[in-house]
Amino acid sequence: MRDRMNVYFPPELLKQITDLADRKRLSRSAIVEAAVASFLSPDGADRQEAAFTRRLDRLSRQMQRLERDVGLSAETLALFIRFWLTITPPLPNAAQAVAQLKGRERFEGFVEALGRRLQKGQSFLREIPHDIIHTKVDEPGS
């Protein structure tokens, strides 16, 4: 036995129900009944939780990649600065003006090269295999 229930839908939702019923060759009542049953079923919450879990896992992996990339960038910069400060002798006052001009010229070349790499979608961080970092960290004596 079935009980009758009158329900009011917004026109656009009713059109979607009618279109789906026509495509599936079912009655509108069958479509609405299936939707309500799905909404009330206990496994609906499990499906939603699984979807949230997948999304959180994906976000966690993205955060791990970001953390790795930022760590690599910081280490690369620190290593370069230490190396540069170690090998670069101080310049006499008379040579500083020429060195500043040459430095500006080199920096402009660096920015242009960086712009070209970024336009091509190239990334230094993508060139570093993920395995190398884990191998170095996992090695004894590191």
C-alpha atoms as a PDB file:
ATOM      1  CA  MET A   1       0.000   0.000   0.000  1.00  0.00           C
ATOM      2  CA  ARG A   2       1.213   3.479  -0.827  1.00  0.00           C
ATOM      3  CA  ASP A   3       0.226   6.736   0.785  1.00  0.00           C
ATOM      4  CA  ARG A   4      -0.237   9.845  -1.252  1.00  0.00           C
ATOM      5  CA  MET A   5       1.830  12.958  -0.541  1.00  0.00           C
ATOM      6  CA  ASN A   6       1.638  16.333  -2.267  1.00  0.00           C
ATOM      7  CA  VAL A   7       4.978  18.073  -2.685  1.00  0.00           C
ATOM      8  CA  TYR A   8       5.737  21.438  -4.250  1.00  0.00           C
ATOM      9  CA  PHE A   9       8.902  21.945  -6.290  1.00  0.00           C
ATOM     10  CA  PRO A  10      10.406  25.043  -7.859  1.00  0.00           C
ATOM     11  CA  PRO A  11       9.690  25.082 -11.609  1.00  0.00           C
ATOM     12  CA  GLU A  12      13.344  24.520 -12.619  1.00  0.00           C
ATOM     13  CA  LEU A  13      13.650  21.477 -10.312  1.00  0.00           C
ATOM     14  CA  LEU A  14      10.384  20.040 -11.602  1.00  0.00           C
ATOM     15  CA  LYS A  15      11.685  20.465 -15.167  1.00  0.00           C
ATOM     16  CA  GLN A  16      14.851  18.534 -14.250  1.00  0.00           C
ATOM     17  CA  ILE A  17      12.748  15.741 -12.717  1.00  0.00           C
ATOM     18  CA  THR A  18      10.507  15.608 -15.786  1.00  0.00           C
ATOM     19  CA  ASP A  19      13.493  15.578 -18.164  1.00  0.00           C
ATOM     20  CA  LEU A  20      15.168  12.762 -16.215  1.00  0.00           C
ATOM     21  CA  ALA A  21      11.934  10.777 -16.080  1.00  0.00           C
ATOM     22  CA  ASP A  22      11.542  11.121 -19.854  1.00  0.00           C
ATOM     23  CA  ARG A  23      15.156  10.075 -20.520  1.00  0.00           C
ATOM     24  CA  LYS A  24      14.963   7.070 -18.188  1.00  0.00           C
ATOM     25  CA  ARG A  25      11.382   6.253 -19.224  1.00  0.00           C
ATOM     26  CA  LEU A  26      10.227   6.271 -15.622  1.00  0.00           C
ATOM     27  CA  SER A  27       7.481   8.107 -13.839  1.00  0.00           C
ATOM     28  CA  ARG A  28       8.241  11.330 -12.010  1.00  0.00           C
ATOM     29  CA  SER A  29       7.089   9.611  -8.815  1.00  0.00           C
ATOM     30  CA  ALA A  30       9.697   6.881  -9.289  1.00  0.00           C
ATOM     31  CA  ILE A  31      12.437   9.490  -9.748  1.00  0.00           C
ATOM     32  CA  VAL A  32      11.408  11.410  -6.630  1.00  0.00           C
ATOM     33  CA  GLU A  33      11.001   8.178  -4.630  1.00  0.00           C
ATOM     34  CA  ALA A  34      14.518   7.049  -5.587  1.00  0.00           C
ATOM     35  CA  ALA A  35      15.971  10.451  -4.692  1.00  0.00           C
ATOM     36  CA  VAL A  36      14.271  10.492  -1.274  1.00  0.00           C
ATOM     37  CA  ALA A  37      15.318   6.878  -0.589  1.00  0.00           C
ATOM     38  CA  SER A  38      18.903   7.718  -1.487  1.00  0.00           C
ATOM     39  CA  PHE A  39      18.815  10.792   0.740  1.00  0.00           C
ATOM     40  CA  LEU A  40      17.452   8.809   3.698  1.00  0.00           C
ATOM     41  CA  SER A  41      19.632   5.706   3.284  1.00  0.00           C
ATOM     42  CA  PRO A  42      22.307   5.210   5.941  1.00  0.00           C
ATOM     43  CA  ASP A  43      24.996   4.577   3.326  1.00  0.00           C
ATOM     44  CA  GLY A  44      24.444   8.098   1.986  1.00  0.00           C
ATOM     45  CA  ALA A  45      26.419   9.473   4.922  1.00  0.00           C
ATOM     46  CA  ASP A  46      29.164   6.917   4.271  1.00  0.00           C
ATOM     47  CA  ARG A  47      29.406   7.983   0.631  1.00  0.00           C
ATOM     48  CA  GLN A  48      29.608  11.612   1.662  1.00  0.00           C
ATOM     49  CA  GLU A  49      32.293  10.814   4.248  1.00  0.00           C
ATOM     50  CA  ALA A  50      34.260   8.856   1.635  1.00  0.00           C
ATOM     51  CA  ALA A  51      34.066  11.822  -0.748  1.00  0.00           C
ATOM     52  CA  PHE A  52      35.312  14.170   1.998  1.00  0.00           C
ATOM     53  CA  THR A  53      38.106  11.728   2.847  1.00  0.00           C
ATOM     54  CA  ARG A  54      39.245  11.568  -0.788  1.00  0.00           C
ATOM     55  CA  ARG A  55      39.189  15.341  -1.010  1.00  0.00           C
ATOM     56  CA  LEU A  56      41.150  15.719   2.247  1.00  0.00           C
ATOM     57  CA  ASP A  57      43.699  13.147   1.062  1.00  0.00           C
ATOM     58  CA  ARG A  58      44.168  15.074  -2.168  1.00  0.00           C
ATOM     59  CA  LEU A  59      44.595  18.337  -0.239  1.00  0.00           C
ATOM     60  CA  SER A  60      47.109  16.655   2.081  1.00  0.00           C
ATOM     61  CA  ARG A  61      49.182  15.500  -0.890  1.00  0.00           C
ATOM     62  CA  GLN A  62      49.062  18.995  -2.378  1.00  0.00           C
ATOM     63  CA  MET A  63      50.206  20.483   0.934  1.00  0.00           C
ATOM     64  CA  GLN A  64      53.064  17.951   1.126  1.00  0.00           C
ATOM     65  CA  ARG A  65      54.204  18.952  -2.378  1.00  0.00           C
ATOM     66  CA  LEU A  66      54.014  22.641  -1.444  1.00  0.00           C
ATOM     67  CA  GLU A  67      55.979  22.006   1.741  1.00  0.00           C
ATOM     68  CA  ARG A  68      58.593  20.078  -0.246  1.00  0.00           C
ATOM     69  CA  ASP A  69      58.853  22.820  -2.872  1.00  0.00           C
ATOM     70  CA  VAL A  70      59.176  25.611  -0.301  1.00  0.00           C
ATOM     71  CA  GLY A  71      61.800  23.616   1.611  1.00  0.00           C
ATOM     72  CA  LEU A  72      63.768  22.987  -1.585  1.00  0.00           C
ATOM     73  CA  SER A  73      63.563  26.647  -2.548  1.00  0.00           C
ATOM     74  CA  ALA A  74      64.761  27.804   0.867  1.00  0.00           C
ATOM     75  CA  GLU A  75      67.630  25.291   0.941  1.00  0.00           C
ATOM     76  CA  THR A  76      68.668  26.165  -2.623  1.00  0.00           C
ATOM     77  CA  LEU A  77      68.706  29.872  -1.829  1.00  0.00           C
ATOM     78  CA  ALA A  78      70.598  29.376   1.443  1.00  0.00           C
ATOM     79  CA  LEU A  79      73.197  27.163  -0.259  1.00  0.00           C
ATOM     80  CA  PHE A  80      73.672  29.658  -3.084  1.00  0.00           C
ATOM     81  CA  ILE A  81      74.058  32.590  -0.657  1.00  0.00           C
ATOM     82  CA  ARG A  82      76.574  30.697   1.486  1.00  0.00           C
ATOM     83  CA  PHE A  83      78.561  29.696  -1.627  1.00  0.00           C
ATOM     84  CA  TRP A  84      78.459  33.221  -3.076  1.00  0.00           C
ATOM     85  CA  LEU A  85      79.528  34.857   0.191  1.00  0.00           C
ATOM     86  CA  THR A  86      82.344  32.328   0.587  1.00  0.00           C
ATOM     87  CA  ILE A  87      83.930  32.757  -2.841  1.00  0.00           C
ATOM     88  CA  THR A  88      83.274  36.448  -3.567  1.00  0.00           C
ATOM     89  CA  PRO A  89      86.034  38.740  -2.314  1.00  0.00           C
ATOM     90  CA  PRO A  90      85.134  42.320  -1.328  1.00  0.00           C
ATOM     91  CA  LEU A  91      85.642  44.873  -4.090  1.00  0.00           C
ATOM     92  CA  PRO A  92      87.757  47.999  -3.750  1.00  0.00           C
ATOM     93  CA  ASN A  93      85.755  51.247  -3.726  1.00  0.00           C
ATOM     94  CA  ALA A  94      86.988  52.203  -7.211  1.00  0.00           C
ATOM     95  CA  ALA A  95      85.535  49.014  -8.770  1.00  0.00           C
ATOM     96  CA  GLN A  96      82.103  49.127  -7.075  1.00  0.00           C
ATOM     97  CA  ALA A  97      80.386  51.407  -9.611  1.00  0.00           C
ATOM     98  CA  VAL A  98      81.395  49.183 -12.535  1.00  0.00           C
ATOM     99  CA  ALA A  99      80.409  46.054 -10.564  1.00  0.00           C
ATOM    100  CA  GLN A 100      76.960  47.527  -9.811  1.00  0.00           C
ATOM    101  CA  LEU A 101      76.357  48.230 -13.508  1.00  0.00           C
ATOM    102  CA  LYS A 102      77.447  44.703 -14.423  1.00  0.00           C
ATOM    103  CA  GLY A 103      75.271  43.314 -11.608  1.00  0.00           C
ATOM    104  CA  ARG A 104      72.183  45.148 -12.934  1.00  0.00           C
ATOM    105  CA  GLU A 105      72.905  43.826 -16.443  1.00  0.00           C
ATOM    106  CA  ARG A 106      73.263  40.259 -15.167  1.00  0.00           C
ATOM    107  CA  PHE A 107      70.112  40.558 -13.059  1.00  0.00           C
ATOM    108  CA  GLU A 108      68.091  41.744 -16.067  1.00  0.00           C
ATOM    109  CA  GLY A 109      69.381  38.725 -18.010  1.00  0.00           C
ATOM    110  CA  PHE A 110      68.399  36.477 -15.113  1.00  0.00           C
ATOM    111  CA  VAL A 111      64.874  37.921 -14.977  1.00  0.00           C
ATOM    112  CA  GLU A 112      64.472  37.468 -18.744  1.00  0.00           C
ATOM    113  CA  ALA A 113      65.649  33.843 -18.566  1.00  0.00           C
ATOM    114  CA  LEU A 114      63.306  33.210 -15.652  1.00  0.00           C
ATOM    115  CA  GLY A 115      60.404  34.721 -17.583  1.00  0.00           C
ATOM    116  CA  ARG A 116      61.124  32.484 -20.589  1.00  0.00           C
ATOM    117  CA  ARG A 117      61.240  29.353 -18.404  1.00  0.00           C
ATOM    118  CA  LEU A 118      57.969  30.248 -16.695  1.00  0.00           C
ATOM    119  CA  GLN A 119      56.263  30.945 -20.030  1.00  0.00           C
ATOM    120  CA  LYS A 120      57.322  27.505 -21.254  1.00  0.00           C
ATOM    121  CA  GLY A 121      56.010  25.925 -18.054  1.00  0.00           C
ATOM    122  CA  GLN A 122      59.482  24.819 -16.980  1.00  0.00           C
ATOM    123  CA  SER A 123      60.229  24.542 -13.279  1.00  0.00           C
ATOM    124  CA  PHE A 124      63.472  23.789 -11.490  1.00  0.00           C
ATOM    125  CA  LEU A 125      61.508  22.039  -8.749  1.00  0.00           C
ATOM    126  CA  ARG A 126      59.961  19.649 -11.280  1.00  0.00           C
ATOM    127  CA  GLU A 127      63.449  18.759 -12.508  1.00  0.00           C
ATOM    128  CA  ILE A 128      64.377  17.380  -9.082  1.00  0.00           C
ATOM    129  CA  PRO A 129      63.105  13.808  -8.774  1.00  0.00           C
ATOM    130  CA  HIS A 130      61.020  13.164  -5.676  1.00  0.00           C
ATOM    131  CA  ASP A 131      62.989   9.959  -4.972  1.00  0.00           C
ATOM    132  CA  ILE A 132      66.336  11.740  -4.560  1.00  0.00           C
ATOM    133  CA  ILE A 133      65.082  13.785  -1.630  1.00  0.00           C
ATOM    134  CA  HIS A 134      63.724  10.731   0.195  1.00  0.00           C
ATOM    135  CA  THR A 135      66.892   8.750  -0.520  1.00  0.00           C
ATOM    136  CA  LYS A 136      69.089  11.479   0.963  1.00  0.00           C
ATOM    137  CA  VAL A 137      66.874  11.867   4.046  1.00  0.00           C
ATOM    138  CA  ASP A 138      66.648   8.097   4.652  1.00  0.00           C
ATOM    139  CA  GLU A 139      70.390   7.431   4.290  1.00  0.00           C
ATOM    140  CA  PRO A 140      72.193   6.706   7.575  1.00  0.00           C
ATOM    141  CA  GLY A 141      74.566   9.419   8.670  1.00  0.00           C
ATOM    142  CA  SER A 142      72.532  12.187   7.005  1.00  0.00           C
END
